[in-house]
Amino acid sequence: MNPYTDENTTRTFSKDVDSMSLIWHTDQEDRTVTVLEGKGWQFQRDNELPLALIEGDNIFIPKGQIHRIIKGQTDLKLKIKNNGSINKSNNR
């Protein structure tokens, strides 16, 4: 079972999600993730320190890169864009 729900391109993680279900993983295609809302959540790439997720942030995640989400205090809503045309210079 996934630790999130999807509705079209919006992915929501509940503030009540079990932290143990937020595992290290890879994606099968490049993605750009936009933070729509959420307080206290973090994003971490393998071998890097976690980054605070702030509303409006765009994060580019290349295919195959190991990463995870770290639980925050409120629900987290993300917009997921797969294989889109992106401007990496504006991304974290």
Protein backbone atom coordinates (compact mmCIF):
# COMPACT_ATOMS: atom_id res chain seq x y z
CA MET A 1 0.00 0.00 0.00
CA ASN A 2 1.32 3.45 -0.91
CA PRO A 3 1.89 6.03 1.86
CA TYR A 4 0.10 8.64 -0.28
CA THR A 5 -3.00 9.25 -2.38
CA ASP A 6 -3.00 10.47 -5.98
CA GLU A 7 -5.61 12.63 -7.67
CA ASN A 8 -4.61 13.46 -11.25
CA THR A 9 -1.16 15.07 -10.91
CA THR A 10 -1.51 15.89 -7.19
CA ARG A 11 0.03 13.55 -4.62
CA THR A 12 -0.94 13.94 -0.95
CA PHE A 13 0.89 12.56 2.08
CA SER A 14 -1.12 12.65 5.30
CA LYS A 15 0.37 14.18 8.43
CA ASP A 16 -0.61 10.86 10.05
CA VAL A 17 1.44 8.68 7.67
CA ASP A 18 3.75 6.16 9.34
CA SER A 19 7.31 7.52 8.98
CA MET A 20 8.55 3.97 8.36
CA SER A 21 6.52 3.82 5.12
CA LEU A 22 8.46 6.77 3.66
CA ILE A 23 11.25 4.64 2.27
CA TRP A 24 14.29 5.36 0.10
CA HIS A 25 13.33 4.71 -3.52
CA THR A 26 13.95 5.57 -7.18
CA ASP A 27 11.56 6.64 -9.93
CA GLN A 28 11.42 5.10 -13.40
CA GLU A 29 11.39 8.46 -15.18
CA ASP A 30 12.58 12.03 -14.66
CA ARG A 31 10.22 14.08 -12.51
CA THR A 32 9.72 17.63 -11.42
CA VAL A 33 7.89 17.91 -8.11
CA THR A 34 6.24 21.19 -7.07
CA VAL A 35 5.39 21.71 -3.40
CA LEU A 36 1.79 22.94 -3.18
CA GLU A 37 1.45 22.89 0.62
CA GLY A 38 2.91 21.33 3.74
CA LYS A 39 4.85 22.36 6.84
CA GLY A 40 7.95 20.67 8.26
CA TRP A 41 8.44 18.13 5.44
CA GLN A 42 11.88 17.47 3.94
CA PHE A 43 13.29 15.95 0.76
CA GLN A 44 16.55 14.00 0.84
CA ARG A 45 18.71 12.68 -1.98
CA ASP A 46 21.10 9.78 -1.31
CA ASN A 47 24.36 10.98 0.33
CA GLU A 48 23.01 14.53 0.83
CA LEU A 49 21.53 16.43 3.75
CA PRO A 50 17.73 16.87 3.78
CA LEU A 51 16.20 20.02 2.25
CA ALA A 52 13.17 21.72 3.79
CA LEU A 53 10.19 21.56 1.44
CA ILE A 54 8.73 25.06 1.03
CA GLU A 55 5.52 25.91 -0.81
CA GLY A 56 6.38 26.82 -4.40
CA ASP A 57 9.64 24.84 -4.51
CA ASN A 58 10.36 22.86 -7.69
CA ILE A 59 12.57 19.82 -7.26
CA PHE A 60 13.97 17.93 -10.25
CA ILE A 61 14.48 14.22 -9.62
CA PRO A 62 16.36 12.36 -12.38
CA LYS A 63 15.35 8.82 -13.29
CA GLY A 64 17.08 6.32 -10.99
CA GLN A 65 18.19 8.82 -8.33
CA ILE A 66 17.72 7.46 -4.79
CA HIS A 67 15.65 9.79 -2.59
CA ARG A 68 13.01 9.97 0.13
CA ILE A 69 10.53 12.27 1.85
CA ILE A 70 10.80 12.97 5.60
CA LYS A 71 7.54 13.49 7.50
CA GLY A 72 6.38 16.94 8.61
CA GLN A 73 3.61 18.38 10.78
CA THR A 74 0.79 18.98 8.25
CA ASP A 75 -0.44 17.17 5.14
CA LEU A 76 1.96 17.48 2.19
CA LYS A 77 0.58 18.13 -1.29
CA LEU A 78 2.83 17.84 -4.33
CA LYS A 79 2.28 18.32 -8.05
CA ILE A 80 4.11 15.58 -9.96
CA LYS A 81 5.24 16.22 -13.54
CA ASN A 82 6.77 13.23 -15.38
CA ASN A 83 9.13 13.64 -18.36
CA GLY A 84 8.17 17.25 -18.89
CA SER A 85 10.17 20.01 -20.46
CA ILE A 86 11.87 21.75 -17.54
CA ASN A 87 14.25 24.57 -16.77
CA LYS A 88 16.72 22.95 -14.35
CA SER A 89 18.25 26.31 -13.40
CA ASN A 90 15.13 27.18 -11.34
CA ASN A 91 15.04 23.86 -9.55
CA ARG A 92 16.63 22.61 -6.33
